[in-house]
Amino acid sequence: MSTNKEVLYKGIKFLSFALPLMFIGPSVIFSSFKNQNHPFYIPILGIGIILCLLAIFLIFKGIQTIMRSLFNGN
């Protein structure tokens, strides 16, 4: 039983895209809460929430891909 390296690198790539989003998303949300009187409060808050959800999805997808590469699943 061996590791499929191409699939493993793909999973690591997903996790590497998720890492900056884990910091950018909460920073954008915090920035929007600091400026609640600004007219772009709601769109910036929405962007921050979308970035956080995207980070969660990429982490899930990355871990799932890494597990598939280690255990030779389809």
C-alpha atoms as a PDB file:
ATOM      1  CA  MET A   1       0.000   0.000   0.000  1.00  0.00           C
ATOM      2  CA  SER A   2       1.533   3.295  -1.086  1.00  0.00           C
ATOM      3  CA  THR A   3       0.512   6.927  -1.041  1.00  0.00           C
ATOM      4  CA  ASN A   4      -0.762   8.535  -4.220  1.00  0.00           C
ATOM      5  CA  LYS A   5       1.533  11.574  -4.277  1.00  0.00           C
ATOM      6  CA  GLU A   6      -0.400  13.528  -6.907  1.00  0.00           C
ATOM      7  CA  VAL A   7      -3.595  13.394  -4.868  1.00  0.00           C
ATOM      8  CA  LEU A   8      -1.626  14.206  -1.715  1.00  0.00           C
ATOM      9  CA  TYR A   9      -0.170  17.340  -3.310  1.00  0.00           C
ATOM     10  CA  LYS A  10      -3.640  18.350  -4.435  1.00  0.00           C
ATOM     11  CA  GLY A  11      -4.879  18.077  -0.826  1.00  0.00           C
ATOM     12  CA  ILE A  12      -1.933  20.103   0.439  1.00  0.00           C
ATOM     13  CA  LYS A  13      -2.726  22.719  -2.194  1.00  0.00           C
ATOM     14  CA  PHE A  14      -6.293  22.979  -0.887  1.00  0.00           C
ATOM     15  CA  LEU A  15      -4.969  23.455   2.641  1.00  0.00           C
ATOM     16  CA  SER A  16      -2.440  26.050   1.499  1.00  0.00           C
ATOM     17  CA  PHE A  17      -5.249  28.102  -0.089  1.00  0.00           C
ATOM     18  CA  ALA A  18      -7.304  27.792   3.101  1.00  0.00           C
ATOM     19  CA  LEU A  19      -4.548  29.052   5.407  1.00  0.00           C
ATOM     20  CA  PRO A  20      -4.596  32.727   4.350  1.00  0.00           C
ATOM     21  CA  LEU A  21      -8.398  32.695   4.226  1.00  0.00           C
ATOM     22  CA  MET A  22      -8.454  31.579   7.871  1.00  0.00           C
ATOM     23  CA  PHE A  23      -6.842  34.901   8.782  1.00  0.00           C
ATOM     24  CA  ILE A  24      -8.307  37.213   6.146  1.00  0.00           C
ATOM     25  CA  GLY A  25     -11.956  36.265   6.750  1.00  0.00           C
ATOM     26  CA  PRO A  26     -12.099  37.063  10.481  1.00  0.00           C
ATOM     27  CA  SER A  27     -10.051  40.229   9.889  1.00  0.00           C
ATOM     28  CA  VAL A  28     -12.585  41.447   7.335  1.00  0.00           C
ATOM     29  CA  ILE A  29     -15.469  40.613   9.688  1.00  0.00           C
ATOM     30  CA  PHE A  30     -13.751  42.446  12.556  1.00  0.00           C
ATOM     31  CA  SER A  31     -13.122  45.440  10.298  1.00  0.00           C
ATOM     32  CA  SER A  32     -16.767  45.556   9.263  1.00  0.00           C
ATOM     33  CA  PHE A  33     -17.926  45.449  12.900  1.00  0.00           C
ATOM     34  CA  LYS A  34     -15.581  48.321  13.740  1.00  0.00           C
ATOM     35  CA  ASN A  35     -17.229  50.456  11.002  1.00  0.00           C
ATOM     36  CA  GLN A  36     -20.937  49.758  11.527  1.00  0.00           C
ATOM     37  CA  ASN A  37     -21.929  53.307  10.519  1.00  0.00           C
ATOM     38  CA  HIS A  38     -20.267  53.010   7.118  1.00  0.00           C
ATOM     39  CA  PRO A  39     -22.608  52.451   4.133  1.00  0.00           C
ATOM     40  CA  PHE A  40     -20.616  49.368   3.018  1.00  0.00           C
ATOM     41  CA  TYR A  41     -21.018  47.617   6.393  1.00  0.00           C
ATOM     42  CA  ILE A  42     -23.357  44.861   5.127  1.00  0.00           C
ATOM     43  CA  PRO A  43     -21.454  44.034   1.884  1.00  0.00           C
ATOM     44  CA  ILE A  44     -18.109  43.862   3.711  1.00  0.00           C
ATOM     45  CA  LEU A  45     -19.632  41.687   6.418  1.00  0.00           C
ATOM     46  CA  GLY A  46     -21.004  39.389   3.704  1.00  0.00           C
ATOM     47  CA  ILE A  47     -17.602  39.171   2.031  1.00  0.00           C
ATOM     48  CA  GLY A  48     -15.994  38.270   5.365  1.00  0.00           C
ATOM     49  CA  ILE A  49     -18.544  35.551   6.034  1.00  0.00           C
ATOM     50  CA  ILE A  50     -18.077  34.145   2.524  1.00  0.00           C
ATOM     51  CA  LEU A  51     -14.292  34.085   3.029  1.00  0.00           C
ATOM     52  CA  CYS A  52     -14.680  32.206   6.323  1.00  0.00           C
ATOM     53  CA  LEU A  53     -17.056  29.684   4.759  1.00  0.00           C
ATOM     54  CA  LEU A  54     -14.669  29.216   1.849  1.00  0.00           C
ATOM     55  CA  ALA A  55     -11.818  28.538   4.298  1.00  0.00           C
ATOM     56  CA  ILE A  56     -13.925  25.921   6.094  1.00  0.00           C
ATOM     57  CA  PHE A  57     -14.825  24.273   2.782  1.00  0.00           C
ATOM     58  CA  LEU A  58     -11.208  24.214   1.595  1.00  0.00           C
ATOM     59  CA  ILE A  59     -10.027  22.703   4.884  1.00  0.00           C
ATOM     60  CA  PHE A  60     -12.667  19.990   4.641  1.00  0.00           C
ATOM     61  CA  LYS A  61     -11.865  19.311   0.995  1.00  0.00           C
ATOM     62  CA  GLY A  62      -8.104  19.280   1.677  1.00  0.00           C
ATOM     63  CA  ILE A  63      -8.337  16.833   4.565  1.00  0.00           C
ATOM     64  CA  GLN A  64     -10.718  14.648   2.573  1.00  0.00           C
ATOM     65  CA  THR A  65      -8.311  14.614  -0.379  1.00  0.00           C
ATOM     66  CA  ILE A  66      -5.318  13.807   1.829  1.00  0.00           C
ATOM     67  CA  MET A  67      -7.207  10.914   3.453  1.00  0.00           C
ATOM     68  CA  ARG A  68      -8.159   9.621  -0.005  1.00  0.00           C
ATOM     69  CA  SER A  69      -4.508   9.715  -1.065  1.00  0.00           C
ATOM     70  CA  LEU A  70      -3.344   7.862   2.042  1.00  0.00           C
ATOM     71  CA  PHE A  71      -5.957   5.133   1.983  1.00  0.00           C
ATOM     72  CA  ASN A  72      -6.357   4.779  -1.818  1.00  0.00           C
ATOM     73  CA  GLY A  73     -10.087   5.572  -1.852  1.00  0.00           C
ATOM     74  CA  ASN A  74     -12.021   6.636  -4.917  1.00  0.00           C
END
